[in-house]
């Protein structure tokens, strides 16, 4: 539970142990309750990031790319 609306919310593998139905519910709550918050979501599965606006890809400690996230790519890119 958060007591106030943070400017930045960092989530590191926050949904990795959730089933798909619960993950979707969690994402809806984030979208509804944290509209004014920047959310940094760290995940290995692209399906987890389908609701994100921007994708930042890192590899071996380096920035590989920054792009608008395309949700259609999440279904095929693993």
C-alpha atoms as a PDB file:
ATOM      1  CA  UNK A   1       0.000   0.000   0.000  1.00  0.00           C
ATOM      2  CA  UNK A   2       1.258   3.467  -0.875  1.00  0.00           C
ATOM      3  CA  UNK A   3       0.274   6.369   1.355  1.00  0.00           C
ATOM      4  CA  UNK A   4       0.829   9.080  -1.236  1.00  0.00           C
ATOM      5  CA  UNK A   5       1.199   9.513  -4.975  1.00  0.00           C
ATOM      6  CA  UNK A   6       4.933   9.227  -5.740  1.00  0.00           C
ATOM      7  CA  UNK A   7       6.587  11.095  -8.620  1.00  0.00           C
ATOM      8  CA  UNK A   8       8.478   7.891  -9.524  1.00  0.00           C
ATOM      9  CA  UNK A   9       7.498   4.291  -8.826  1.00  0.00           C
ATOM     10  CA  UNK A  10      10.123   1.610  -9.581  1.00  0.00           C
ATOM     11  CA  UNK A  11       8.881  -1.944 -10.107  1.00  0.00           C
ATOM     12  CA  UNK A  12      11.522  -4.662 -10.473  1.00  0.00           C
ATOM     13  CA  UNK A  13       9.953  -7.899 -11.738  1.00  0.00           C
ATOM     14  CA  UNK A  14       6.806  -6.918  -9.805  1.00  0.00           C
ATOM     15  CA  UNK A  15       4.541  -9.310 -11.699  1.00  0.00           C
ATOM     16  CA  UNK A  16       6.920 -12.231 -12.249  1.00  0.00           C
ATOM     17  CA  UNK A  17       5.104 -14.474  -9.731  1.00  0.00           C
ATOM     18  CA  UNK A  18       1.569 -13.496 -10.790  1.00  0.00           C
ATOM     19  CA  UNK A  19      -0.741 -15.438 -13.073  1.00  0.00           C
ATOM     20  CA  UNK A  20      -1.879 -13.630 -16.227  1.00  0.00           C
ATOM     21  CA  UNK A  21      -5.306 -12.633 -14.866  1.00  0.00           C
ATOM     22  CA  UNK A  22      -3.813 -11.088 -11.712  1.00  0.00           C
ATOM     23  CA  UNK A  23      -1.085  -9.368 -13.744  1.00  0.00           C
ATOM     24  CA  UNK A  24      -3.702  -7.690 -15.961  1.00  0.00           C
ATOM     25  CA  UNK A  25      -5.617  -6.549 -12.866  1.00  0.00           C
ATOM     26  CA  UNK A  26      -2.394  -5.175 -11.337  1.00  0.00           C
ATOM     27  CA  UNK A  27      -1.632  -3.244 -14.536  1.00  0.00           C
ATOM     28  CA  UNK A  28      -5.149  -1.770 -14.635  1.00  0.00           C
ATOM     29  CA  UNK A  29      -4.788  -0.540 -11.053  1.00  0.00           C
ATOM     30  CA  UNK A  30      -1.449   1.086 -11.925  1.00  0.00           C
ATOM     31  CA  UNK A  31      -2.983   2.799 -14.966  1.00  0.00           C
ATOM     32  CA  UNK A  32      -5.978   4.075 -12.985  1.00  0.00           C
ATOM     33  CA  UNK A  33      -4.364   5.082  -9.698  1.00  0.00           C
ATOM     34  CA  UNK A  34      -0.968   6.343 -10.845  1.00  0.00           C
ATOM     35  CA  UNK A  35      -1.763   8.494 -13.870  1.00  0.00           C
ATOM     36  CA  UNK A  36       0.502  11.307 -12.657  1.00  0.00           C
ATOM     37  CA  UNK A  37       3.369   8.971 -11.706  1.00  0.00           C
ATOM     38  CA  UNK A  38       6.324   7.932 -13.835  1.00  0.00           C
ATOM     39  CA  UNK A  39       6.575   4.154 -13.528  1.00  0.00           C
ATOM     40  CA  UNK A  40       9.875   2.405 -14.170  1.00  0.00           C
ATOM     41  CA  UNK A  41       9.032  -1.227 -14.842  1.00  0.00           C
ATOM     42  CA  UNK A  42      11.929  -3.691 -15.026  1.00  0.00           C
ATOM     43  CA  UNK A  43      11.006  -7.015 -16.613  1.00  0.00           C
ATOM     44  CA  UNK A  44      12.470  -9.804 -18.688  1.00  0.00           C
ATOM     45  CA  UNK A  45       9.210 -10.793 -20.369  1.00  0.00           C
ATOM     46  CA  UNK A  46       8.005  -8.295 -22.966  1.00  0.00           C
ATOM     47  CA  UNK A  47       4.395  -9.335 -22.327  1.00  0.00           C
ATOM     48  CA  UNK A  48       4.743  -7.681 -18.918  1.00  0.00           C
ATOM     49  CA  UNK A  49       5.550  -4.364 -20.598  1.00  0.00           C
ATOM     50  CA  UNK A  50       2.623  -4.284 -23.032  1.00  0.00           C
ATOM     51  CA  UNK A  51       1.008  -1.329 -21.228  1.00  0.00           C
ATOM     52  CA  UNK A  52       4.195   0.791 -21.214  1.00  0.00           C
ATOM     53  CA  UNK A  53       4.631   3.792 -23.491  1.00  0.00           C
ATOM     54  CA  UNK A  54       8.404   3.658 -23.878  1.00  0.00           C
ATOM     55  CA  UNK A  55      10.795   0.722 -23.993  1.00  0.00           C
ATOM     56  CA  UNK A  56      14.402   1.099 -22.866  1.00  0.00           C
ATOM     57  CA  UNK A  57      16.506  -1.957 -23.635  1.00  0.00           C
ATOM     58  CA  UNK A  58      19.676  -2.627 -21.652  1.00  0.00           C
ATOM     59  CA  UNK A  59      22.293  -5.323 -22.155  1.00  0.00           C
ATOM     60  CA  UNK A  60      25.609  -6.038 -20.423  1.00  0.00           C
ATOM     61  CA  UNK A  61      25.403  -2.741 -18.581  1.00  0.00           C
ATOM     62  CA  UNK A  62      24.856  -0.663 -21.731  1.00  0.00           C
ATOM     63  CA  UNK A  63      21.916   1.177 -23.211  1.00  0.00           C
ATOM     64  CA  UNK A  64      20.927  -0.686 -26.385  1.00  0.00           C
ATOM     65  CA  UNK A  65      17.831   1.223 -27.499  1.00  0.00           C
ATOM     66  CA  UNK A  66      15.027   3.600 -26.562  1.00  0.00           C
ATOM     67  CA  UNK A  67      11.805   3.361 -28.543  1.00  0.00           C
ATOM     68  CA  UNK A  68       8.067   3.755 -28.397  1.00  0.00           C
ATOM     69  CA  UNK A  69       6.768   0.410 -27.264  1.00  0.00           C
ATOM     70  CA  UNK A  70       4.761  -1.517 -29.857  1.00  0.00           C
ATOM     71  CA  UNK A  71       2.379  -3.918 -28.035  1.00  0.00           C
ATOM     72  CA  UNK A  72       2.027  -6.114 -31.122  1.00  0.00           C
ATOM     73  CA  UNK A  73       5.727  -6.978 -30.869  1.00  0.00           C
ATOM     74  CA  UNK A  74       5.336  -8.218 -27.283  1.00  0.00           C
ATOM     75  CA  UNK A  75       3.417 -11.297 -28.395  1.00  0.00           C
ATOM     76  CA  UNK A  76       6.181 -12.513 -30.694  1.00  0.00           C
ATOM     77  CA  UNK A  77       9.383 -11.115 -29.125  1.00  0.00           C
ATOM     78  CA  UNK A  78      10.788 -13.128 -26.173  1.00  0.00           C
END
